C-alpha atoms as a PDB file:
ATOM      1  CA  MET A   1     -68.757 -88.566 176.204  1.00  0.00           C
ATOM      2  CA  SER A   2     -71.527 -85.996 176.053  1.00  0.00           C
ATOM      3  CA  GLY A   3     -72.956 -85.122 173.085  1.00  0.00           C
ATOM      4  CA  PRO A   4     -72.533 -81.287 171.410  1.00  0.00           C
ATOM      5  CA  ALA A   5     -75.998 -79.855 172.567  1.00  0.00           C
ATOM      6  CA  GLY A   6     -76.480 -76.672 170.743  1.00  0.00           C
ATOM      7  CA  ARG A   7     -73.180 -76.995 168.665  1.00  0.00           C
ATOM      8  CA  LEU A   8     -73.016 -77.962 164.697  1.00  0.00           C
ATOM      9  CA  ALA A   9     -71.545 -81.356 164.196  1.00  0.00           C
ATOM     10  CA  ASP A  10     -69.739 -83.232 161.485  1.00  0.00           C
ATOM     11  CA  VAL A  11     -69.935 -86.771 162.192  1.00  0.00           C
ATOM     12  CA  HIS A  12     -67.850 -88.196 159.537  1.00  0.00           C
ATOM     13  CA  GLN A  13     -64.221 -86.957 159.010  1.00  0.00           C
ATOM     14  CA  HIS A  14     -60.911 -88.632 159.037  1.00  0.00           C
ATOM     15  CA  LEU A  15     -57.664 -87.537 160.768  1.00  0.00           C
ATOM     16  CA  TRP A  16     -54.341 -89.056 161.056  1.00  0.00           C
ATOM     17  CA  PRO A  17     -52.482 -88.570 164.369  1.00  0.00           C
ATOM     18  CA  GLU A  18     -48.600 -88.022 163.899  1.00  0.00           C
ATOM     19  CA  GLN A  19     -48.134 -91.463 165.348  1.00  0.00           C
ATOM     20  CA  PHE A  20     -50.307 -93.103 162.639  1.00  0.00           C
ATOM     21  CA  ILE A  21     -48.260 -91.308 159.710  1.00  0.00           C
ATOM     22  CA  ARG A  22     -45.060 -92.421 161.138  1.00  0.00           C
ATOM     23  CA  ALA A  23     -46.215 -95.884 161.373  1.00  0.00           C
ATOM     24  CA  LEU A  24     -47.594 -95.706 157.612  1.00  0.00           C
ATOM     25  CA  GLU A  25     -44.127 -94.286 156.584  1.00  0.00           C
ATOM     26  CA  ALA A  26     -42.403 -97.178 158.304  1.00  0.00           C
ATOM     27  CA  ARG A  27     -44.079-100.090 156.391  1.00  0.00           C
ATOM     28  CA  ARG A  28     -42.563-101.875 153.378  1.00  0.00           C
ATOM     29  CA  ASP A  29     -45.839-103.131 152.239  1.00  0.00           C
ATOM     30  CA  PRO A  30     -49.282-101.380 151.523  1.00  0.00           C
ATOM     31  CA  PRO A  31     -50.909 -99.908 153.378  1.00  0.00           C
ATOM     32  CA  ARG A  32     -47.898 -97.407 153.276  1.00  0.00           C
ATOM     33  CA  LEU A  33     -46.925 -93.955 152.913  1.00  0.00           C
ATOM     34  CA  ARG A  34     -43.887 -92.591 150.523  1.00  0.00           C
ATOM     35  CA  GLY A  35     -44.056 -88.706 150.752  1.00  0.00           C
ATOM     36  CA  ASN A  36     -47.471 -87.767 149.582  1.00  0.00           C
ATOM     37  CA  ARG A  37     -48.453 -90.854 148.053  1.00  0.00           C
ATOM     38  CA  LEU A  38     -50.402 -93.578 149.815  1.00  0.00           C
ATOM     39  CA  ASP A  39     -50.378 -97.022 148.520  1.00  0.00           C
ATOM     40  CA  LEU A  40     -52.964 -99.310 149.305  1.00  0.00           C
ATOM     41  CA  PRO A  41     -53.508-103.030 148.931  1.00  0.00           C
ATOM     42  CA  LEU A  42     -56.538-103.164 146.942  1.00  0.00           C
ATOM     43  CA  GLU A  43     -57.314 -99.915 145.403  1.00  0.00           C
ATOM     44  CA  GLY A  44     -53.824 -98.862 144.406  1.00  0.00           C
ATOM     45  CA  SER A  45     -52.340 -95.364 145.081  1.00  0.00           C
ATOM     46  CA  PHE A  46     -53.502 -91.892 145.807  1.00  0.00           C
ATOM     47  CA  GLU A  47     -51.922 -88.396 146.340  1.00  0.00           C
ATOM     48  CA  ILE A  48     -52.735 -86.873 149.584  1.00  0.00           C
ATOM     49  CA  GLN A  49     -52.002 -83.890 151.495  1.00  0.00           C
ATOM     50  CA  LEU A  50     -50.731 -84.313 155.103  1.00  0.00           C
ATOM     51  CA  ARG A  51     -51.382 -80.980 155.905  1.00  0.00           C
ATOM     52  CA  ASP A  52     -54.955 -81.725 156.078  1.00  0.00           C
ATOM     53  CA  HIS A  53     -54.223 -83.926 158.999  1.00  0.00           C
ATOM     54  CA  ASP A  54     -52.675 -81.224 161.077  1.00  0.00           C
ATOM     55  CA  VAL A  55     -55.076 -80.298 163.761  1.00  0.00           C
ATOM     56  CA  ASP A  56     -54.704 -76.458 163.570  1.00  0.00           C
ATOM     57  CA  VAL A  57     -55.207 -76.981 159.833  1.00  0.00           C
ATOM     58  CA  ARG A  58     -58.619 -78.942 160.422  1.00  0.00           C
ATOM     59  CA  LEU A  59     -59.796 -76.431 163.030  1.00  0.00           C
ATOM     60  CA  ARG A  60     -59.314 -73.638 160.512  1.00  0.00           C
ATOM     61  CA  ALA A  61     -61.539 -75.699 158.211  1.00  0.00           C
ATOM     62  CA  LEU A  62     -64.023 -76.404 160.748  1.00  0.00           C
ATOM     63  CA  ASP A  63     -64.200 -72.484 161.202  1.00  0.00           C
ATOM     64  CA  ARG A  64     -64.830 -72.167 157.273  1.00  0.00           C
ATOM     65  CA  GLN A  65     -67.578 -74.461 157.472  1.00  0.00           C
ATOM     66  CA  GLU A  66     -69.151 -73.033 160.631  1.00  0.00           C
ATOM     67  CA  ILE A  67     -68.840 -76.731 162.484  1.00  0.00           C
ATOM     68  CA  ASP A  68     -68.234 -76.454 166.083  1.00  0.00           C
ATOM     69  CA  VAL A  69     -67.238 -80.176 166.845  1.00  0.00           C
ATOM     70  CA  ALA A  70     -66.324 -83.247 164.239  1.00  0.00           C
ATOM     71  CA  VAL A  71     -66.276 -86.833 165.020  1.00  0.00           C
ATOM     72  CA  VAL A  72     -62.860 -88.080 163.556  1.00  0.00           C
ATOM     73  CA  SER A  73     -62.312 -92.047 162.675  1.00  0.00           C
ATOM     74  CA  LEU A  74     -59.790 -94.067 160.761  1.00  0.00           C
ATOM     75  CA  PRO A  75     -61.620 -95.569 157.863  1.00  0.00           C
ATOM     76  CA  PRO A  76     -61.366 -99.283 157.285  1.00  0.00           C
ATOM     77  CA  THR A  77     -60.923 -98.704 153.485  1.00  0.00           C
ATOM     78  CA  LEU A  78     -56.997 -98.177 154.303  1.00  0.00           C
ATOM     79  CA  GLY A  79     -57.051-101.940 155.305  1.00  0.00           C
ATOM     80  CA  PRO A  80     -55.078-100.871 158.578  1.00  0.00           C
ATOM     81  CA  THR A  81     -52.979-103.638 160.134  1.00  0.00           C
ATOM     82  CA  PRO A  82     -52.767-104.018 164.085  1.00  0.00           C
ATOM     83  CA  GLU A  83     -49.685-101.967 164.409  1.00  0.00           C
ATOM     84  CA  LEU A  84     -51.169 -99.125 162.369  1.00  0.00           C
ATOM     85  CA  LEU A  85     -54.461 -99.275 164.602  1.00  0.00           C
ATOM     86  CA  ASP A  86     -52.378 -99.253 167.789  1.00  0.00           C
ATOM     87  CA  ALA A  87     -50.344 -96.177 166.380  1.00  0.00           C
ATOM     88  CA  TYR A  88     -53.911 -94.257 165.665  1.00  0.00           C
ATOM     89  CA  HIS A  89     -55.392 -95.071 169.048  1.00  0.00           C
ATOM     90  CA  GLU A  90     -52.291 -93.806 170.545  1.00  0.00           C
ATOM     91  CA  GLY A  91     -52.397 -90.532 168.852  1.00  0.00           C
ATOM     92  CA  ALA A  92     -56.187 -90.078 168.477  1.00  0.00           C
ATOM     93  CA  LEU A  93     -56.635 -90.602 172.273  1.00  0.00           C
ATOM     94  CA  GLY A  94     -55.058 -86.875 172.460  1.00  0.00           C
ATOM     95  CA  LEU A  95     -57.147 -85.283 169.848  1.00  0.00           C
ATOM     96  CA  PRO A  96     -59.984 -83.848 172.256  1.00  0.00           C
ATOM     97  CA  ALA A  97     -57.437 -82.124 174.677  1.00  0.00           C
ATOM     98  CA  ASP A  98     -55.392 -81.009 171.357  1.00  0.00           C
ATOM     99  CA  SER A  99     -58.262 -79.462 169.912  1.00  0.00           C
ATOM    100  CA  GLY A 100     -60.087 -77.903 172.705  1.00  0.00           C
ATOM    101  CA  GLY A 101     -62.713 -80.144 172.742  1.00  0.00           C
ATOM    102  CA  ARG A 102     -63.688 -79.597 169.011  1.00  0.00           C
ATOM    103  CA  LEU A 103     -62.316 -83.003 167.693  1.00  0.00           C
ATOM    104  CA  VAL A 104     -63.956 -86.209 169.176  1.00  0.00           C
ATOM    105  CA  ALA A 105     -62.108 -89.682 168.181  1.00  0.00           C
ATOM    106  CA  LEU A 106     -63.477 -93.058 167.611  1.00  0.00           C
ATOM    107  CA  ALA A 107     -61.660 -96.158 167.877  1.00  0.00           C
ATOM    108  CA  THR A 108     -61.566 -98.728 165.019  1.00  0.00           C
ATOM    109  CA  GLY A 109     -62.593-102.344 165.437  1.00  0.00           C
ATOM    110  CA  ARG A 110     -62.468-102.408 169.105  1.00  0.00           C
ATOM    111  CA  VAL A 111     -64.006-100.566 171.962  1.00  0.00           C
ATOM    112  CA  LEU A 112     -61.618 -98.264 174.046  1.00  0.00           C
ATOM    113  CA  ASP A 113     -61.611 -95.963 176.911  1.00  0.00           C
ATOM    114  CA  GLY A 114     -61.342 -92.315 175.871  1.00  0.00           C
ATOM    115  CA  PHE A 115     -63.338 -92.898 172.639  1.00  0.00           C
ATOM    116  CA  ALA A 116     -66.633 -91.827 171.720  1.00  0.00           C
ATOM    117  CA  GLY A 117     -67.706 -95.075 170.068  1.00  0.00           C
ATOM    118  CA  THR A 118     -66.105 -97.542 167.727  1.00  0.00           C
ATOM    119  CA  CYS A 119     -65.923 -97.501 163.721  1.00  0.00           C
ATOM    120  CA  VAL A 120     -66.214-101.043 161.984  1.00  0.00           C
ATOM    121  CA  SER A 121     -66.123-102.039 158.414  1.00  0.00           C
ATOM    122  CA  ALA A 122     -69.489-102.611 156.671  1.00  0.00           C
ATOM    123  CA  GLU A 123     -68.487-106.263 156.019  1.00  0.00           C
ATOM    124  CA  ALA A 124     -68.485-106.730 160.125  1.00  0.00           C
ATOM    125  CA  LEU A 125     -72.550-106.394 159.953  1.00  0.00           C
ATOM    126  CA  LEU A 126     -72.405-109.540 157.834  1.00  0.00           C
ATOM    127  CA  ASP A 127     -71.538-111.737 160.656  1.00  0.00           C
ATOM    128  CA  LEU A 128     -73.720-110.413 163.724  1.00  0.00           C
ATOM    129  CA  ASP A 129     -72.095-113.195 165.878  1.00  0.00           C
ATOM    130  CA  ALA A 130     -68.578-112.400 165.322  1.00  0.00           C
ATOM    131  CA  LEU A 131     -69.971-108.555 165.717  1.00  0.00           C
ATOM    132  CA  ALA A 132     -71.417-109.441 169.197  1.00  0.00           C
ATOM    133  CA  PRO A 133     -68.552-108.507 171.523  1.00  0.00           C
ATOM    134  CA  ILE A 134     -68.047-105.134 170.198  1.00  0.00           C
ATOM    135  CA  ALA A 135     -71.869-104.278 169.797  1.00  0.00           C
ATOM    136  CA  GLU A 136     -72.612-105.393 173.074  1.00  0.00           C
ATOM    137  CA  GLU A 137     -69.524-103.775 174.693  1.00  0.00           C
ATOM    138  CA  VAL A 138     -70.443-100.390 172.525  1.00  0.00           C
ATOM    139  CA  VAL A 139     -74.116-100.690 174.355  1.00  0.00           C
ATOM    140  CA  GLU A 140     -72.706-101.004 177.681  1.00  0.00           C
ATOM    141  CA  ARG A 141     -70.339 -98.304 177.415  1.00  0.00           C
ATOM    142  CA  GLY A 142     -73.146 -95.809 175.930  1.00  0.00           C
ATOM    143  CA  GLY A 143     -71.356 -95.115 172.682  1.00  0.00           C
ATOM    144  CA  PHE A 144     -72.045 -95.645 169.138  1.00  0.00           C
ATOM    145  CA  LEU A 145     -71.148 -97.859 165.988  1.00  0.00           C
ATOM    146  CA  PHE A 146     -70.299 -95.944 162.913  1.00  0.00           C
ATOM    147  CA  VAL A 147     -70.511 -98.353 159.861  1.00  0.00           C
ATOM    148  CA  HIS A 148     -67.735 -97.311 157.118  1.00  0.00           C
ATOM    149  CA  PRO A 149     -67.034 -99.089 153.940  1.00  0.00           C
ATOM    150  CA  GLY A 150     -63.862-101.294 153.756  1.00  0.00           C
ATOM    151  CA  PRO A 151     -61.421-101.873 151.065  1.00  0.00           C
ATOM    152  CA  ALA A 152     -63.160-102.271 147.796  1.00  0.00           C
ATOM    153  CA  ALA A 153     -61.480-103.355 144.590  1.00  0.00           C
ATOM    154  CA  SER A 154     -62.364-102.550 141.113  1.00  0.00           C
ATOM    155  CA  PRO A 155     -62.835-104.847 137.742  1.00  0.00           C
ATOM    156  CA  PRO A 156     -59.927-104.391 134.992  1.00  0.00           C
ATOM    157  CA  GLY A 157     -60.420-101.403 133.285  1.00  0.00           C
ATOM    158  CA  ALA A 158     -62.770 -99.422 135.680  1.00  0.00           C
ATOM    159  CA  PRO A 159     -62.653 -95.799 136.006  1.00  0.00           C
ATOM    160  CA  ALA A 160     -60.794 -94.388 139.120  1.00  0.00           C
ATOM    161  CA  TRP A 161     -64.085 -93.512 140.904  1.00  0.00           C
ATOM    162  CA  TRP A 162     -65.133 -97.324 140.591  1.00  0.00           C
ATOM    163  CA  SER A 163     -64.575 -98.394 144.251  1.00  0.00           C
ATOM    164  CA  ALA A 164     -66.039 -95.322 145.876  1.00  0.00           C
ATOM    165  CA  VAL A 165     -69.060 -95.073 143.810  1.00  0.00           C
ATOM    166  CA  VAL A 166     -69.880 -98.858 143.352  1.00  0.00           C
ATOM    167  CA  GLY A 167     -67.856-100.910 145.654  1.00  0.00           C
ATOM    168  CA  TYR A 168     -68.574 -98.843 148.663  1.00  0.00           C
ATOM    169  CA  THR A 169     -72.011 -98.321 148.028  1.00  0.00           C
ATOM    170  CA  GLU A 170     -72.766-101.682 147.321  1.00  0.00           C
ATOM    171  CA  GLN A 171     -70.862-102.749 150.939  1.00  0.00           C
ATOM    172  CA  MET A 172     -72.979-100.167 152.796  1.00  0.00           C
ATOM    173  CA  GLN A 173     -76.461-101.279 151.422  1.00  0.00           C
ATOM    174  CA  GLU A 174     -75.608-104.944 152.660  1.00  0.00           C
ATOM    175  CA  ALA A 175     -74.598-103.837 155.655  1.00  0.00           C
ATOM    176  CA  TYR A 176     -77.732-101.568 156.221  1.00  0.00           C
ATOM    177  CA  PHE A 177     -80.373-104.520 155.407  1.00  0.00           C
ATOM    178  CA  ALA A 178     -78.276-107.010 157.422  1.00  0.00           C
ATOM    179  CA  TRP A 179     -78.603-104.388 160.441  1.00  0.00           C
ATOM    180  CA  LEU A 180     -82.582-104.477 159.567  1.00  0.00           C
ATOM    181  CA  ALA A 181     -82.798-108.190 159.035  1.00  0.00           C
ATOM    182  CA  GLY A 182     -81.080-109.094 162.220  1.00  0.00           C
ATOM    183  CA  GLY A 183     -79.086-106.348 164.101  1.00  0.00           C
ATOM    184  CA  ILE A 184     -81.749-104.177 165.182  1.00  0.00           C
ATOM    185  CA  ALA A 185     -83.958-107.001 166.980  1.00  0.00           C
ATOM    186  CA  ARG A 186     -80.588-108.220 168.692  1.00  0.00           C
ATOM    187  CA  TRP A 187     -79.320-104.763 169.784  1.00  0.00           C
ATOM    188  CA  PRO A 188     -82.204-102.449 169.752  1.00  0.00           C
ATOM    189  CA  ASP A 189     -80.475-100.046 172.480  1.00  0.00           C
ATOM    190  CA  LEU A 190     -77.413 -99.710 169.925  1.00  0.00           C
ATOM    191  CA  ARG A 191     -77.136 -96.439 168.015  1.00  0.00           C
ATOM    192  CA  VAL A 192     -75.756 -97.075 164.754  1.00  0.00           C
ATOM    193  CA  LEU A 193     -74.579 -94.567 162.103  1.00  0.00           C
ATOM    194  CA  PHE A 194     -74.196 -95.624 158.499  1.00  0.00           C
ATOM    195  CA  ALA A 195     -72.001 -93.627 156.146  1.00  0.00           C
ATOM    196  CA  ILE A 196     -72.692 -92.326 153.030  1.00  0.00           C
ATOM    197  CA  LEU A 197     -76.585 -92.514 153.542  1.00  0.00           C
ATOM    198  CA  ALA A 198     -75.990 -96.577 153.837  1.00  0.00           C
ATOM    199  CA  GLY A 199     -74.917 -96.403 150.108  1.00  0.00           C
ATOM    200  CA  GLY A 200     -78.275 -94.911 149.273  1.00  0.00           C
ATOM    201  CA  ALA A 201     -80.112 -97.824 151.048  1.00  0.00           C
ATOM    202  CA  PRO A 202     -83.204 -95.855 151.741  1.00  0.00           C
ATOM    203  CA  VAL A 203     -84.060 -95.821 148.068  1.00  0.00           C
ATOM    204  CA  GLN A 204     -84.444 -99.743 148.269  1.00  0.00           C
ATOM    205  CA  LEU A 205     -87.036 -99.795 151.006  1.00  0.00           C
ATOM    206  CA  ASP A 206     -90.136 -99.629 148.386  1.00  0.00           C
ATOM    207  CA  ARG A 207     -88.266-102.736 146.569  1.00  0.00           C
ATOM    208  CA  LEU A 208     -88.004-104.405 150.102  1.00  0.00           C
ATOM    209  CA  ARG A 209     -91.827-104.238 150.632  1.00  0.00           C
ATOM    210  CA  SER A 210     -92.479-105.220 147.038  1.00  0.00           C
ATOM    211  CA  ARG A 211     -90.634-108.513 147.630  1.00  0.00           C
ATOM    212  CA  GLY A 212     -92.350-109.407 150.963  1.00  0.00           C
ATOM    213  CA  GLY A 213     -90.147-107.780 153.251  1.00  0.00           C
ATOM    214  CA  ASP A 214     -90.977-105.341 156.205  1.00  0.00           C
ATOM    215  CA  PRO A 215     -89.411-101.751 156.064  1.00  0.00           C
ATOM    216  CA  ALA A 216     -90.553-100.826 159.442  1.00  0.00           C
ATOM    217  CA  ALA A 217     -87.465-101.616 161.284  1.00  0.00           C
ATOM    218  CA  ALA A 218     -85.902 -98.965 158.981  1.00  0.00           C
ATOM    219  CA  ALA A 219     -87.702 -96.490 161.228  1.00  0.00           C
ATOM    220  CA  GLY A 220     -85.680 -97.500 164.560  1.00  0.00           C
ATOM    221  CA  PRO A 221     -84.846 -94.572 166.614  1.00  0.00           C
ATOM    222  CA  GLY A 222     -80.970 -95.960 166.747  1.00  0.00           C
ATOM    223  CA  ILE A 223     -80.491 -95.701 162.977  1.00  0.00           C
ATOM    224  CA  TYR A 224     -78.658 -92.670 161.704  1.00  0.00           C
ATOM    225  CA  LEU A 225     -77.373 -92.057 157.853  1.00  0.00           C
ATOM    226  CA  ASP A 226     -74.528 -89.563 157.329  1.00  0.00           C
ATOM    227  CA  THR A 227     -74.818 -87.256 154.471  1.00  0.00           C
ATOM    228  CA  ALA A 228     -71.318 -87.484 153.080  1.00  0.00           C
ATOM    229  CA  SER A 229     -71.116 -86.970 149.570  1.00  0.00           C
ATOM    230  CA  TYR A 230     -74.783 -86.733 148.905  1.00  0.00           C
ATOM    231  CA  GLY A 231     -77.051 -83.630 147.539  1.00  0.00           C
ATOM    232  CA  ARG A 232     -80.382 -82.188 148.018  1.00  0.00           C
ATOM    233  CA  ARG A 233     -82.097 -84.898 145.709  1.00  0.00           C
ATOM    234  CA  ALA A 234     -80.916 -87.904 147.813  1.00  0.00           C
ATOM    235  CA  LEU A 235     -81.248 -86.228 151.090  1.00  0.00           C
ATOM    236  CA  GLU A 236     -84.998 -85.804 150.699  1.00  0.00           C
ATOM    237  CA  LEU A 237     -85.394 -89.364 150.175  1.00  0.00           C
ATOM    238  CA  CYS A 238     -84.574 -89.772 153.848  1.00  0.00           C
ATOM    239  CA  ASP A 239     -86.209 -89.686 156.922  1.00  0.00           C
ATOM    240  CA  PRO A 240     -85.011 -86.119 158.512  1.00  0.00           C
ATOM    241  CA  ALA A 241     -85.074 -87.504 162.059  1.00  0.00           C
ATOM    242  CA  GLN A 242     -82.129 -90.156 160.824  1.00  0.00           C
ATOM    243  CA  LEU A 243     -80.005 -87.762 159.010  1.00  0.00           C
ATOM    244  CA  VAL A 244     -76.768 -86.426 160.701  1.00  0.00           C
ATOM    245  CA  TYR A 245     -74.324 -84.094 158.837  1.00  0.00           C
ATOM    246  CA  GLY A 246     -71.080 -85.774 157.876  1.00  0.00           C
ATOM    247  CA  SER A 247     -68.886 -84.418 155.329  1.00  0.00           C
ATOM    248  CA  ASP A 248     -65.905 -87.035 154.772  1.00  0.00           C
ATOM    249  CA  LEU A 249     -63.271 -84.313 154.970  1.00  0.00           C
ATOM    250  CA  PRO A 250     -60.598 -84.317 153.932  1.00  0.00           C
ATOM    251  CA  VAL A 251     -61.321 -87.320 151.212  1.00  0.00           C
ATOM    252  CA  ILE A 252     -63.695 -84.952 149.513  1.00  0.00           C
ATOM    253  CA  ASP A 253     -64.956 -81.449 149.238  1.00  0.00           C
ATOM    254  CA  ALA A 254     -67.394 -80.752 152.172  1.00  0.00           C
ATOM    255  CA  GLU A 255     -69.202 -77.654 150.545  1.00  0.00           C
ATOM    256  CA  PRO A 256     -71.589 -79.351 148.190  1.00  0.00           C
ATOM    257  CA  THR A 257     -73.107 -81.549 150.986  1.00  0.00           C
ATOM    258  CA  ARG A 258     -72.889 -78.624 153.522  1.00  0.00           C
ATOM    259  CA  ALA A 259     -74.770 -76.353 150.836  1.00  0.00           C
ATOM    260  CA  ALA A 260     -77.186 -79.313 150.215  1.00  0.00           C
ATOM    261  CA  VAL A 261     -78.145 -79.517 153.976  1.00  0.00           C
ATOM    262  CA  ARG A 262     -78.668 -75.761 154.645  1.00  0.00           C
ATOM    263  CA  SER A 263     -81.058 -75.856 151.303  1.00  0.00           C
ATOM    264  CA  LEU A 264     -83.284 -78.419 152.879  1.00  0.00           C
ATOM    265  CA  GLY A 265     -83.772 -75.954 155.913  1.00  0.00           C
ATOM    266  CA  LEU A 266     -83.428 -78.418 158.286  1.00  0.00           C
ATOM    267  CA  GLU A 267     -79.661 -77.377 159.684  1.00  0.00           C
ATOM    268  CA  ARG A 268     -80.393 -77.404 163.124  1.00  0.00           C
ATOM    269  CA  GLU A 269     -82.105 -81.046 163.065  1.00  0.00           C
ATOM    270  CA  ILE A 270     -79.138 -82.451 160.884  1.00  0.00           C
ATOM    271  CA  CYS A 271     -76.188 -80.731 162.120  1.00  0.00           C
ATOM    272  CA  VAL A 272     -77.347 -80.203 165.935  1.00  0.00           C
ATOM    273  CA  GLU A 273     -80.277 -82.137 167.376  1.00  0.00           C
ATOM    274  CA  ASN A 274     -79.723 -85.542 165.674  1.00  0.00           C
ATOM    275  CA  PRO A 275     -75.887 -85.581 166.388  1.00  0.00           C
ATOM    276  CA  ALA A 276     -76.676 -84.896 169.936  1.00  0.00           C
ATOM    277  CA  ARG A 277     -78.479 -87.778 170.165  1.00  0.00           C
ATOM    278  CA  LEU A 278     -76.514 -89.899 168.260  1.00  0.00           C
ATOM    279  CA  LEU A 279     -73.396 -89.011 170.556  1.00  0.00           C
ATOM    280  CA  GLY A 280     -75.607 -89.509 173.641  1.00  0.00           C
END
C-alpha cells in the first residue's frame, strides 16, 4: 500500500471490527467480552466503550486530532486466539474501504494480502529464527513490522498501572535490543516500528556503550519509534528521523502526546514525512 504522502498520520491505533467483537462475546473463557467488560487471561478485567470502535466515531476522533490517516491493529496484549485472529482479519480487511482510505489495517501474527504490514508481540523478536518466515515475507511484500507489547502479568498487590508501565516497557526494551543485536543485520531492508518508544530504550544507548556494546545499529534507517504515551521530555531524547506519531487510541487519551509533538516544532517530520517512509 502507498504511504500517506502529505497527510498527517497516526501509526498506533487499535480498532475492533464487528466480527471481532462478536467473536469475543461468544467466548466462555478469557479473552472474552461481557457487555462493556473485557476479561483478559493475565491482566484482569477492564471497562471499555464499544462505541470507540465504531468507524464513524473513529473518523470523528481523527478530525478532532487533525489526523488524516491512522494505522490500526489488534494488540497482542489481548492474547488473541486463532479464531479471534480470523475474526479480526475478516473485519479489518474492509476498513480502508469503509473509512474512505483513512484507516489502514495491519495483520496480526501473520502476513496477509490487503494489509499494510504485520503486528507481532515484543516476545517474537527474542527468537529471530522463529520470526524469520514473517520477517522475510514482510520484506518481500514491502510492508513493515509493528512490534507491540504482549500480555504482562503484575506481581501481587501491584497498582493497576503496573503492567502497562513496567511490564510493557520491559518487553519493548528487550525486543529493541534483540533487534539491534541480531535482527537489523539479518534483515537490513525490513522497516520496523517499535511501539511506545521501544519502552524508552533510546535512554539506554549510553549504557550500552559503557558496557562495551556498539549503539551504531540504533541509527539504522529502518528503525522507527512511535510516540504513544510520551511527552516532550522523552521525545527530545530520540532521533527525530526515527519518530513517528502514534497515539494508542482509544486505549489512552491522544491529546497529551499530540500536544508534545506540536511543541517540538517537528510536526511535519514526525506526522507526515517519517510515516510516509515507514509505510513505503
